[in-house]
Amino acid sequence: MSLWNNADGLAVKFGLEEGKLSVASVSEEKKQHLTVVLDTAQTNSLSGGRVDPENPVFIPAGSVITEARFVVLTAFTSAGAATLDLGLGLIDGTYTGGDEDGIDAAIALTAIDAVGDVVICDGALVNGVLVSGAVPLYPTYDIDTAVFTAGKGVLHIEFIPPSVPA
């Protein structure tokens, strides 16, 4: 029996050990990354909508979001106490089957008022299965209390798409 652990800590088998089946199977997670821009010059209303109306990227139904973060490129400003919700919805910006603040809820202006600010998103859909049946969901936003007078950021979402039957 020959067994060796490589630099990554993975067991490498040689000889007769190489041909034996293990009892537990290991599934390889194939994470995908989605990046969308939220620019108040394009998306600045209290009614909300898709995060990046020019770039219709989506997350397939049944995917699991493993991580999400929002990175500020241009400082957000507001004449009032604006807050930002990030979620998932339909292509028209409505939320049937999605969640208006499922990625992050009520991000305060003070959390996104400087270039380089990073918000680690912790909404109900992060680390959970998306609830939509057969409909893909698109990153959406909702601005509450007051509009932003400036601001631009990038929403990064890491997810595992649903498995495809063999």
C-alpha atoms as a PDB file:
ATOM      1  CA  MET A   1       0.000   0.000   0.000  1.00  0.00           C
ATOM      2  CA  SER A   2       1.444   3.315  -1.120  1.00  0.00           C
ATOM      3  CA  LEU A   3      -0.098   6.550  -0.008  1.00  0.00           C
ATOM      4  CA  TRP A   4       1.371  10.020  -0.143  1.00  0.00           C
ATOM      5  CA  ASN A   5      -0.039  13.454   0.714  1.00  0.00           C
ATOM      6  CA  ASN A   6       0.856  16.156  -1.797  1.00  0.00           C
ATOM      7  CA  ALA A   7       1.566  19.814  -0.965  1.00  0.00           C
ATOM      8  CA  ASP A   8      -2.189  20.572  -1.001  1.00  0.00           C
ATOM      9  CA  GLY A   9      -2.829  17.872   1.607  1.00  0.00           C
ATOM     10  CA  LEU A  10      -4.601  15.603  -0.875  1.00  0.00           C
ATOM     11  CA  ALA A  11      -3.992  11.861  -0.658  1.00  0.00           C
ATOM     12  CA  VAL A  12      -2.301  10.376  -3.726  1.00  0.00           C
ATOM     13  CA  LYS A  13      -2.516   6.578  -4.024  1.00  0.00           C
ATOM     14  CA  PHE A  14      -0.130   4.247  -5.858  1.00  0.00           C
ATOM     15  CA  GLY A  15      -0.143   0.566  -6.819  1.00  0.00           C
ATOM     16  CA  LEU A  16      -3.057  -1.538  -5.542  1.00  0.00           C
ATOM     17  CA  GLU A  17      -4.419   1.342  -3.434  1.00  0.00           C
ATOM     18  CA  GLU A  18      -4.970   3.416  -6.570  1.00  0.00           C
ATOM     19  CA  GLY A  19      -7.661   1.061  -7.918  1.00  0.00           C
ATOM     20  CA  LYS A  20      -9.770   0.824  -4.732  1.00  0.00           C
ATOM     21  CA  LEU A  21     -13.030   2.760  -4.587  1.00  0.00           C
ATOM     22  CA  SER A  22     -13.632   4.995  -1.657  1.00  0.00           C
ATOM     23  CA  VAL A  23     -16.837   4.674   0.358  1.00  0.00           C
ATOM     24  CA  ALA A  24     -17.777   8.350   0.211  1.00  0.00           C
ATOM     25  CA  SER A  25     -17.890  10.258  -3.038  1.00  0.00           C
ATOM     26  CA  VAL A  26     -16.628  13.786  -3.297  1.00  0.00           C
ATOM     27  CA  SER A  27     -18.538  16.214  -5.463  1.00  0.00           C
ATOM     28  CA  GLU A  28     -16.586  18.968  -7.109  1.00  0.00           C
ATOM     29  CA  GLU A  29     -18.230  22.364  -6.594  1.00  0.00           C
ATOM     30  CA  LYS A  30     -18.135  24.420  -9.750  1.00  0.00           C
ATOM     31  CA  LYS A  31     -18.511  27.938  -8.473  1.00  0.00           C
ATOM     32  CA  GLN A  32     -19.334  30.670 -10.920  1.00  0.00           C
ATOM     33  CA  HIS A  33     -18.919  34.401 -10.496  1.00  0.00           C
ATOM     34  CA  LEU A  34     -21.283  37.128 -11.566  1.00  0.00           C
ATOM     35  CA  THR A  35     -20.279  40.788 -11.507  1.00  0.00           C
ATOM     36  CA  VAL A  36     -22.673  43.678 -12.100  1.00  0.00           C
ATOM     37  CA  VAL A  37     -22.340  47.448 -11.815  1.00  0.00           C
ATOM     38  CA  LEU A  38     -24.704  49.658  -9.832  1.00  0.00           C
ATOM     39  CA  ASP A  39     -24.362  53.229 -11.105  1.00  0.00           C
ATOM     40  CA  THR A  40     -26.671  55.884  -9.690  1.00  0.00           C
ATOM     41  CA  ALA A  41     -26.435  57.724 -13.033  1.00  0.00           C
ATOM     42  CA  GLN A  42     -28.399  54.792 -14.553  1.00  0.00           C
ATOM     43  CA  THR A  43     -30.360  53.412 -11.613  1.00  0.00           C
ATOM     44  CA  ASN A  44     -31.401  56.136  -9.227  1.00  0.00           C
ATOM     45  CA  SER A  45     -35.033  55.945  -8.234  1.00  0.00           C
ATOM     46  CA  LEU A  46     -36.935  54.871  -5.167  1.00  0.00           C
ATOM     47  CA  SER A  47     -38.840  52.323  -7.273  1.00  0.00           C
ATOM     48  CA  GLY A  48     -35.868  49.983  -7.746  1.00  0.00           C
ATOM     49  CA  GLY A  49     -35.070  47.729 -10.671  1.00  0.00           C
ATOM     50  CA  ARG A  50     -32.280  45.616 -12.134  1.00  0.00           C
ATOM     51  CA  VAL A  51     -28.813  46.500 -10.871  1.00  0.00           C
ATOM     52  CA  ASP A  52     -27.266  46.785 -14.333  1.00  0.00           C
ATOM     53  CA  PRO A  53     -29.997  47.426 -16.924  1.00  0.00           C
ATOM     54  CA  GLU A  54     -27.470  47.337 -19.783  1.00  0.00           C
ATOM     55  CA  ASN A  55     -26.048  43.948 -18.770  1.00  0.00           C
ATOM     56  CA  PRO A  56     -28.783  41.308 -18.277  1.00  0.00           C
ATOM     57  CA  VAL A  57     -26.779  38.693 -16.378  1.00  0.00           C
ATOM     58  CA  PHE A  58     -28.684  36.226 -14.228  1.00  0.00           C
ATOM     59  CA  ILE A  59     -28.364  33.410 -11.726  1.00  0.00           C
ATOM     60  CA  PRO A  60     -30.005  30.142 -12.825  1.00  0.00           C
ATOM     61  CA  ALA A  61     -32.981  28.943 -10.788  1.00  0.00           C
ATOM     62  CA  GLY A  62     -31.961  26.551  -8.027  1.00  0.00           C
ATOM     63  CA  SER A  63     -28.439  27.961  -7.669  1.00  0.00           C
ATOM     64  CA  VAL A  64     -26.817  28.411  -4.266  1.00  0.00           C
ATOM     65  CA  ILE A  65     -25.153  31.749  -3.540  1.00  0.00           C
ATOM     66  CA  THR A  66     -22.008  31.082  -1.545  1.00  0.00           C
ATOM     67  CA  GLU A  67     -20.777  34.652  -1.198  1.00  0.00           C
ATOM     68  CA  ALA A  68     -21.672  38.201  -2.194  1.00  0.00           C
ATOM     69  CA  ARG A  69     -19.948  41.522  -1.681  1.00  0.00           C
ATOM     70  CA  PHE A  70     -20.472  45.097  -2.850  1.00  0.00           C
ATOM     71  CA  VAL A  71     -17.376  47.199  -3.603  1.00  0.00           C
ATOM     72  CA  VAL A  72     -17.615  50.994  -3.939  1.00  0.00           C
ATOM     73  CA  LEU A  73     -15.935  52.546  -7.003  1.00  0.00           C
ATOM     74  CA  THR A  74     -17.343  56.079  -6.605  1.00  0.00           C
ATOM     75  CA  ALA A  75     -18.447  57.272  -3.175  1.00  0.00           C
ATOM     76  CA  PHE A  76     -22.219  57.269  -2.604  1.00  0.00           C
ATOM     77  CA  THR A  77     -23.752  60.547  -1.469  1.00  0.00           C
ATOM     78  CA  SER A  78     -27.309  61.573  -0.651  1.00  0.00           C
ATOM     79  CA  ALA A  79     -29.171  64.672   0.482  1.00  0.00           C
ATOM     80  CA  GLY A  80     -30.992  62.388   2.939  1.00  0.00           C
ATOM     81  CA  ALA A  81     -30.358  59.118   4.738  1.00  0.00           C
ATOM     82  CA  ALA A  82     -30.574  56.848   1.693  1.00  0.00           C
ATOM     83  CA  THR A  83     -30.248  53.093   2.152  1.00  0.00           C
ATOM     84  CA  LEU A  84     -29.664  50.403  -0.436  1.00  0.00           C
ATOM     85  CA  ASP A  85     -31.214  46.938  -0.704  1.00  0.00           C
ATOM     86  CA  LEU A  86     -29.654  44.336  -3.008  1.00  0.00           C
ATOM     87  CA  GLY A  87     -31.685  41.335  -4.060  1.00  0.00           C
ATOM     88  CA  LEU A  88     -32.783  39.074  -6.884  1.00  0.00           C
ATOM     89  CA  GLY A  89     -35.816  39.443  -9.106  1.00  0.00           C
ATOM     90  CA  LEU A  90     -37.231  38.997 -12.559  1.00  0.00           C
ATOM     91  CA  ILE A  91     -35.810  40.657 -15.658  1.00  0.00           C
ATOM     92  CA  ASP A  92     -38.394  43.467 -15.368  1.00  0.00           C
ATOM     93  CA  GLY A  93     -37.155  44.333 -11.855  1.00  0.00           C
ATOM     94  CA  THR A  94     -40.149  42.851 -10.010  1.00  0.00           C
ATOM     95  CA  TYR A  95     -39.648  40.280  -7.261  1.00  0.00           C
ATOM     96  CA  THR A  96     -42.028  37.371  -7.986  1.00  0.00           C
ATOM     97  CA  GLY A  97     -40.022  34.298  -6.971  1.00  0.00           C
ATOM     98  CA  GLY A  98     -37.130  36.453  -5.774  1.00  0.00           C
ATOM     99  CA  ASP A  99     -36.336  38.621  -2.788  1.00  0.00           C
ATOM    100  CA  GLU A 100     -35.966  42.419  -2.817  1.00  0.00           C
ATOM    101  CA  ASP A 101     -33.279  42.415  -0.120  1.00  0.00           C
ATOM    102  CA  GLY A 102     -32.160  38.778  -0.329  1.00  0.00           C
ATOM    103  CA  ILE A 103     -28.526  39.690  -0.955  1.00  0.00           C
ATOM    104  CA  ASP A 104     -28.323  42.524   1.577  1.00  0.00           C
ATOM    105  CA  ALA A 105     -30.850  44.763   3.309  1.00  0.00           C
ATOM    106  CA  ALA A 106     -30.729  48.438   4.213  1.00  0.00           C
ATOM    107  CA  ILE A 107     -27.063  49.145   3.483  1.00  0.00           C
ATOM    108  CA  ALA A 108     -26.501  52.486   5.216  1.00  0.00           C
ATOM    109  CA  LEU A 109     -24.980  55.444   3.407  1.00  0.00           C
ATOM    110  CA  THR A 110     -22.112  55.446   5.911  1.00  0.00           C
ATOM    111  CA  ALA A 111     -21.116  51.946   4.735  1.00  0.00           C
ATOM    112  CA  ILE A 112     -20.710  53.026   1.090  1.00  0.00           C
ATOM    113  CA  ASP A 113     -19.598  56.669   1.294  1.00  0.00           C
ATOM    114  CA  ALA A 114     -15.924  56.152   0.411  1.00  0.00           C
ATOM    115  CA  VAL A 115     -14.084  54.655  -2.546  1.00  0.00           C
ATOM    116  CA  GLY A 116     -12.953  51.135  -1.650  1.00  0.00           C
ATOM    117  CA  ASP A 117     -15.672  50.468   0.937  1.00  0.00           C
ATOM    118  CA  VAL A 118     -16.636  46.785   0.890  1.00  0.00           C
ATOM    119  CA  VAL A 119     -19.935  45.426   2.158  1.00  0.00           C
ATOM    120  CA  ILE A 120     -19.937  41.688   2.858  1.00  0.00           C
ATOM    121  CA  CYS A 121     -23.511  40.798   1.985  1.00  0.00           C
ATOM    122  CA  ASP A 122     -25.504  38.639   4.394  1.00  0.00           C
ATOM    123  CA  GLY A 123     -29.054  38.549   3.052  1.00  0.00           C
ATOM    124  CA  ALA A 124     -31.429  35.605   3.273  1.00  0.00           C
ATOM    125  CA  LEU A 125     -30.418  34.263  -0.163  1.00  0.00           C
ATOM    126  CA  VAL A 126     -26.694  34.207   0.596  1.00  0.00           C
ATOM    127  CA  ASN A 127     -25.704  30.624   1.496  1.00  0.00           C
ATOM    128  CA  GLY A 128     -29.198  29.388   0.600  1.00  0.00           C
ATOM    129  CA  VAL A 129     -31.030  27.795  -2.291  1.00  0.00           C
ATOM    130  CA  LEU A 130     -32.818  30.243  -4.553  1.00  0.00           C
ATOM    131  CA  VAL A 131     -36.543  29.809  -4.281  1.00  0.00           C
ATOM    132  CA  SER A 132     -37.499  30.389  -7.907  1.00  0.00           C
ATOM    133  CA  GLY A 133     -38.811  27.307  -9.726  1.00  0.00           C
ATOM    134  CA  ALA A 134     -37.733  27.426 -13.356  1.00  0.00           C
ATOM    135  CA  VAL A 135     -37.103  31.144 -13.733  1.00  0.00           C
ATOM    136  CA  PRO A 136     -33.621  32.711 -13.635  1.00  0.00           C
ATOM    137  CA  LEU A 137     -33.204  35.646 -11.276  1.00  0.00           C
ATOM    138  CA  TYR A 138     -31.379  38.912 -11.931  1.00  0.00           C
ATOM    139  CA  PRO A 139     -29.515  41.117  -9.420  1.00  0.00           C
ATOM    140  CA  THR A 140     -31.822  43.945  -8.368  1.00  0.00           C
ATOM    141  CA  TYR A 141     -31.656  47.019  -6.160  1.00  0.00           C
ATOM    142  CA  ASP A 142     -34.069  49.111  -4.136  1.00  0.00           C
ATOM    143  CA  ILE A 143     -33.233  52.553  -2.782  1.00  0.00           C
ATOM    144  CA  ASP A 144     -35.136  53.612   0.326  1.00  0.00           C
ATOM    145  CA  THR A 145     -35.728  56.866   2.221  1.00  0.00           C
ATOM    146  CA  ALA A 146     -33.937  59.213  -0.231  1.00  0.00           C
ATOM    147  CA  VAL A 147     -32.201  58.967  -3.608  1.00  0.00           C
ATOM    148  CA  PHE A 148     -28.436  58.953  -4.004  1.00  0.00           C
ATOM    149  CA  THR A 149     -26.869  62.035  -5.585  1.00  0.00           C
ATOM    150  CA  ALA A 150     -23.771  60.074  -6.658  1.00  0.00           C
ATOM    151  CA  GLY A 151     -22.299  56.623  -6.350  1.00  0.00           C
ATOM    152  CA  LYS A 152     -21.093  53.608  -8.274  1.00  0.00           C
ATOM    153  CA  GLY A 153     -20.223  50.130  -7.089  1.00  0.00           C
ATOM    154  CA  VAL A 154     -19.735  46.564  -8.229  1.00  0.00           C
ATOM    155  CA  LEU A 155     -21.748  43.657  -6.865  1.00  0.00           C
ATOM    156  CA  HIS A 156     -19.797  40.397  -6.905  1.00  0.00           C
ATOM    157  CA  ILE A 157     -21.826  37.203  -6.466  1.00  0.00           C
ATOM    158  CA  GLU A 158     -20.285  33.748  -6.216  1.00  0.00           C
ATOM    159  CA  PHE A 159     -22.711  30.881  -6.755  1.00  0.00           C
ATOM    160  CA  ILE A 160     -22.977  27.173  -7.512  1.00  0.00           C
ATOM    161  CA  PRO A 161     -25.411  26.476 -10.352  1.00  0.00           C
ATOM    162  CA  PRO A 162     -27.884  23.618  -9.992  1.00  0.00           C
ATOM    163  CA  SER A 163     -26.536  20.203 -10.907  1.00  0.00           C
ATOM    164  CA  VAL A 164     -27.483  18.766 -14.256  1.00  0.00           C
ATOM    165  CA  PRO A 165     -28.723  15.149 -14.208  1.00  0.00           C
ATOM    166  CA  ALA A 166     -26.550  12.691 -16.107  1.00  0.00           C
END
